[in-house]
Amino acid sequence: MLINWKAEDKKWAISQIQYYFLSERDEEIGELAAENLLEFFSEKIGTYYYNAGVKDASKQAEAHAARLDEDLYALMRPTKK
């Protein structure tokens, strides 16, 4: 598993999977089946979501750094030559 779930968060995610199967597929699945599905998606697909988050954070950091550079440049005082 890629992340260490808090017990209540994992329980919530499992219940959401069970709810999805019931509401969308009219199929009941047990807690163990839902947990196995959660672990499968976490291991097989979770990395793609993680990498997308890292890319988004990188873009935000670059934008912030550019603004910071502009702000620092604005603080410069003219020099006499």
N, C-alpha and C. Protein backbone atom coordinates (compact mmCIF):
# COMPACT_ATOMS: atom_id res chain seq x y z
N MET A 1 0.84 -1.18 0.00
CA MET A 1 0.00 0.00 0.00
C MET A 1 0.89 1.24 0.00
N LEU A 2 0.48 2.25 -0.75
CA LEU A 2 1.27 3.45 -0.90
C LEU A 2 1.17 4.41 0.27
N ILE A 3 0.01 4.48 0.90
CA ILE A 3 -0.16 5.43 1.99
C ILE A 3 -0.56 4.70 3.27
N ASN A 4 -0.29 5.34 4.36
CA ASN A 4 -0.75 4.82 5.66
C ASN A 4 -2.05 5.53 5.99
N TRP A 5 -3.14 4.81 5.84
CA TRP A 5 -4.45 5.39 6.09
C TRP A 5 -4.69 5.54 7.58
N LYS A 6 -5.31 6.62 7.97
CA LYS A 6 -5.88 6.69 9.32
C LYS A 6 -7.06 5.73 9.31
N ALA A 7 -7.28 5.08 10.42
CA ALA A 7 -8.33 4.05 10.49
C ALA A 7 -9.68 4.58 10.03
N GLU A 8 -10.05 5.78 10.49
CA GLU A 8 -11.37 6.32 10.14
C GLU A 8 -11.44 6.71 8.66
N ASP A 9 -10.32 7.15 8.09
CA ASP A 9 -10.29 7.51 6.66
C ASP A 9 -10.42 6.26 5.79
N LYS A 10 -9.72 5.21 6.18
CA LYS A 10 -9.80 3.96 5.42
C LYS A 10 -11.20 3.38 5.50
N LYS A 11 -11.78 3.43 6.67
CA LYS A 11 -13.14 2.92 6.86
C LYS A 11 -14.11 3.71 5.99
N TRP A 12 -13.92 5.03 5.93
CA TRP A 12 -14.77 5.88 5.09
C TRP A 12 -14.61 5.51 3.61
N ALA A 13 -13.36 5.34 3.15
CA ALA A 13 -13.11 5.00 1.75
C ALA A 13 -13.75 3.66 1.40
N ILE A 14 -13.64 2.71 2.28
CA ILE A 14 -14.25 1.40 2.06
C ILE A 14 -15.76 1.53 1.96
N SER A 15 -16.35 2.33 2.84
CA SER A 15 -17.80 2.51 2.79
C SER A 15 -18.23 3.21 1.50
N GLN A 16 -17.39 4.10 0.98
CA GLN A 16 -17.71 4.77 -0.29
C GLN A 16 -17.68 3.80 -1.46
N ILE A 17 -16.74 2.86 -1.43
CA ILE A 17 -16.68 1.83 -2.47
C ILE A 17 -17.93 0.95 -2.39
N GLN A 18 -18.30 0.58 -1.18
CA GLN A 18 -19.50 -0.23 -1.02
C GLN A 18 -20.73 0.53 -1.50
N TYR A 19 -20.79 1.82 -1.17
CA TYR A 19 -21.92 2.66 -1.60
C TYR A 19 -21.97 2.74 -3.13
N TYR A 20 -20.81 2.92 -3.76
CA TYR A 20 -20.76 3.00 -5.22
C TYR A 20 -21.32 1.73 -5.85
N PHE A 21 -20.86 0.58 -5.38
CA PHE A 21 -21.33 -0.67 -5.96
C PHE A 21 -22.83 -0.85 -5.77
N LEU A 22 -23.33 -0.42 -4.61
CA LEU A 22 -24.75 -0.56 -4.36
C LEU A 22 -25.58 0.41 -5.21
N SER A 23 -25.15 1.67 -5.27
CA SER A 23 -25.96 2.67 -5.98
C SER A 23 -25.79 2.62 -7.50
N GLU A 24 -24.62 2.30 -7.98
CA GLU A 24 -24.36 2.32 -9.42
C GLU A 24 -24.55 0.96 -10.09
N ARG A 25 -24.29 -0.10 -9.35
CA ARG A 25 -24.34 -1.43 -9.95
C ARG A 25 -25.41 -2.32 -9.32
N ASP A 26 -26.10 -1.77 -8.30
CA ASP A 26 -27.11 -2.53 -7.58
C ASP A 26 -26.54 -3.87 -7.09
N GLU A 27 -25.32 -3.77 -6.54
CA GLU A 27 -24.59 -4.96 -6.12
C GLU A 27 -23.99 -4.68 -4.74
N GLU A 28 -24.20 -5.58 -3.81
CA GLU A 28 -23.60 -5.44 -2.49
C GLU A 28 -22.26 -6.15 -2.47
N ILE A 29 -21.24 -5.45 -1.96
CA ILE A 29 -19.95 -6.12 -1.75
C ILE A 29 -19.59 -5.94 -0.28
N GLY A 30 -18.88 -6.91 0.23
CA GLY A 30 -18.51 -6.88 1.63
C GLY A 30 -17.34 -5.94 1.89
N GLU A 31 -17.07 -5.77 3.17
CA GLU A 31 -15.99 -4.89 3.59
C GLU A 31 -14.63 -5.37 3.08
N LEU A 32 -14.40 -6.68 3.13
CA LEU A 32 -13.12 -7.22 2.68
C LEU A 32 -12.93 -7.00 1.18
N ALA A 33 -13.97 -7.24 0.39
CA ALA A 33 -13.89 -7.03 -1.06
C ALA A 33 -13.62 -5.56 -1.37
N ALA A 34 -14.30 -4.66 -0.65
CA ALA A 34 -14.09 -3.23 -0.87
C ALA A 34 -12.68 -2.82 -0.46
N GLU A 35 -12.17 -3.38 0.62
CA GLU A 35 -10.81 -3.08 1.06
C GLU A 35 -9.79 -3.58 0.04
N ASN A 36 -10.01 -4.77 -0.50
CA ASN A 36 -9.12 -5.30 -1.53
C ASN A 36 -9.13 -4.43 -2.77
N LEU A 37 -10.29 -3.94 -3.14
CA LEU A 37 -10.39 -3.05 -4.30
C LEU A 37 -9.66 -1.73 -4.03
N LEU A 38 -9.81 -1.20 -2.82
CA LEU A 38 -9.11 0.02 -2.44
C LEU A 38 -7.60 -0.17 -2.53
N GLU A 39 -7.10 -1.27 -2.02
CA GLU A 39 -5.67 -1.56 -2.08
C GLU A 39 -5.19 -1.75 -3.51
N PHE A 40 -5.99 -2.41 -4.33
CA PHE A 40 -5.63 -2.61 -5.73
C PHE A 40 -5.47 -1.26 -6.44
N PHE A 41 -6.47 -0.40 -6.31
CA PHE A 41 -6.39 0.90 -6.98
C PHE A 41 -5.29 1.77 -6.39
N SER A 42 -5.08 1.68 -5.11
CA SER A 42 -4.00 2.46 -4.49
C SER A 42 -2.65 2.05 -5.05
N GLU A 43 -2.44 0.77 -5.20
CA GLU A 43 -1.15 0.27 -5.69
C GLU A 43 -0.97 0.46 -7.19
N LYS A 44 -2.03 0.23 -7.97
CA LYS A 44 -1.90 0.25 -9.42
C LYS A 44 -2.11 1.62 -10.04
N ILE A 45 -2.96 2.44 -9.45
CA ILE A 45 -3.32 3.71 -10.06
C ILE A 45 -2.91 4.90 -9.21
N GLY A 46 -2.75 4.69 -7.93
CA GLY A 46 -2.45 5.79 -7.00
C GLY A 46 -1.22 6.59 -7.39
N THR A 47 -0.21 5.93 -7.96
CA THR A 47 1.02 6.60 -8.34
C THR A 47 0.76 7.69 -9.38
N TYR A 48 -0.19 7.44 -10.29
CA TYR A 48 -0.51 8.44 -11.31
C TYR A 48 -1.12 9.69 -10.68
N TYR A 49 -2.00 9.51 -9.70
CA TYR A 49 -2.58 10.65 -9.00
C TYR A 49 -1.52 11.38 -8.19
N TYR A 50 -0.65 10.62 -7.55
CA TYR A 50 0.44 11.22 -6.77
C TYR A 50 1.33 12.08 -7.67
N ASN A 51 1.74 11.51 -8.81
CA ASN A 51 2.62 12.24 -9.73
C ASN A 51 1.93 13.49 -10.28
N ALA A 52 0.65 13.40 -10.55
CA ALA A 52 -0.09 14.58 -11.01
C ALA A 52 -0.11 15.65 -9.92
N GLY A 53 -0.24 15.25 -8.68
CA GLY A 53 -0.20 16.20 -7.57
C GLY A 53 1.16 16.86 -7.44
N VAL A 54 2.22 16.08 -7.63
CA VAL A 54 3.57 16.63 -7.57
C VAL A 54 3.77 17.65 -8.69
N LYS A 55 3.29 17.33 -9.89
CA LYS A 55 3.42 18.27 -11.02
C LYS A 55 2.65 19.55 -10.74
N ASP A 56 1.45 19.44 -10.21
CA ASP A 56 0.65 20.62 -9.87
C ASP A 56 1.36 21.47 -8.81
N ALA A 57 1.92 20.80 -7.80
CA ALA A 57 2.64 21.52 -6.76
C ALA A 57 3.87 22.22 -7.32
N SER A 58 4.55 21.56 -8.26
CA SER A 58 5.73 22.16 -8.89
C SER A 58 5.35 23.42 -9.65
N LYS A 59 4.26 23.38 -10.39
CA LYS A 59 3.79 24.57 -11.12
C LYS A 59 3.47 25.70 -10.16
N GLN A 60 2.82 25.37 -9.06
CA GLN A 60 2.49 26.40 -8.07
C GLN A 60 3.74 26.99 -7.44
N ALA A 61 4.72 26.15 -7.15
CA ALA A 61 5.98 26.62 -6.56
C ALA A 61 6.73 27.53 -7.54
N GLU A 62 6.73 27.16 -8.82
CA GLU A 62 7.39 28.00 -9.83
C GLU A 62 6.71 29.36 -9.93
N ALA A 63 5.38 29.36 -9.93
CA ALA A 63 4.63 30.62 -10.00
C ALA A 63 4.92 31.48 -8.77
N HIS A 64 4.96 30.86 -7.63
CA HIS A 64 5.24 31.58 -6.39
C HIS A 64 6.67 32.16 -6.41
N ALA A 65 7.62 31.37 -6.89
CA ALA A 65 9.01 31.83 -6.97
C ALA A 65 9.13 33.01 -7.93
N ALA A 66 8.39 32.97 -9.04
CA ALA A 66 8.44 34.08 -9.99
C ALA A 66 7.88 35.35 -9.36
N ARG A 67 6.79 35.23 -8.62
CA ARG A 67 6.22 36.41 -7.95
C ARG A 67 7.18 36.93 -6.88
N LEU A 68 7.82 36.01 -6.17
CA LEU A 68 8.76 36.41 -5.14
C LEU A 68 9.94 37.14 -5.76
N ASP A 69 10.44 36.66 -6.89
CA ASP A 69 11.54 37.31 -7.59
C ASP A 69 11.14 38.72 -8.01
N GLU A 70 9.93 38.89 -8.52
CA GLU A 70 9.44 40.21 -8.92
C GLU A 70 9.34 41.13 -7.70
N ASP A 71 8.82 40.63 -6.61
CA ASP A 71 8.69 41.43 -5.39
C ASP A 71 10.05 41.86 -4.86
N LEU A 72 11.01 40.96 -4.88
CA LEU A 72 12.36 41.31 -4.41
C LEU A 72 13.01 42.34 -5.33
N TYR A 73 12.82 42.20 -6.62
CA TYR A 73 13.38 43.16 -7.57
C TYR A 73 12.77 44.54 -7.33
N ALA A 74 11.49 44.59 -7.00
CA ALA A 74 10.82 45.87 -6.74
C ALA A 74 11.39 46.57 -5.50
N LEU A 75 12.01 45.83 -4.60
CA LEU A 75 12.60 46.42 -3.40
C LEU A 75 13.96 47.07 -3.66
N MET A 76 14.54 46.79 -4.81
CA MET A 76 15.86 47.33 -5.09
C MET A 76 15.80 48.85 -5.19
N ARG A 77 16.87 49.51 -4.74
CA ARG A 77 16.95 50.96 -4.78
C ARG A 77 17.94 51.37 -5.86
N PRO A 78 17.69 52.49 -6.46
CA PRO A 78 18.61 52.93 -7.51
C PRO A 78 19.99 53.25 -6.93
N THR A 79 21.00 53.01 -7.73
CA THR A 79 22.37 53.32 -7.33
C THR A 79 22.87 54.53 -8.10
N LYS A 80 23.82 55.25 -7.50
CA LYS A 80 24.40 56.40 -8.19
C LYS A 80 25.60 55.92 -8.99
N LYS A 81 25.71 56.41 -10.18
CA LYS A 81 26.84 56.05 -11.02
C LYS A 81 27.65 57.26 -11.35
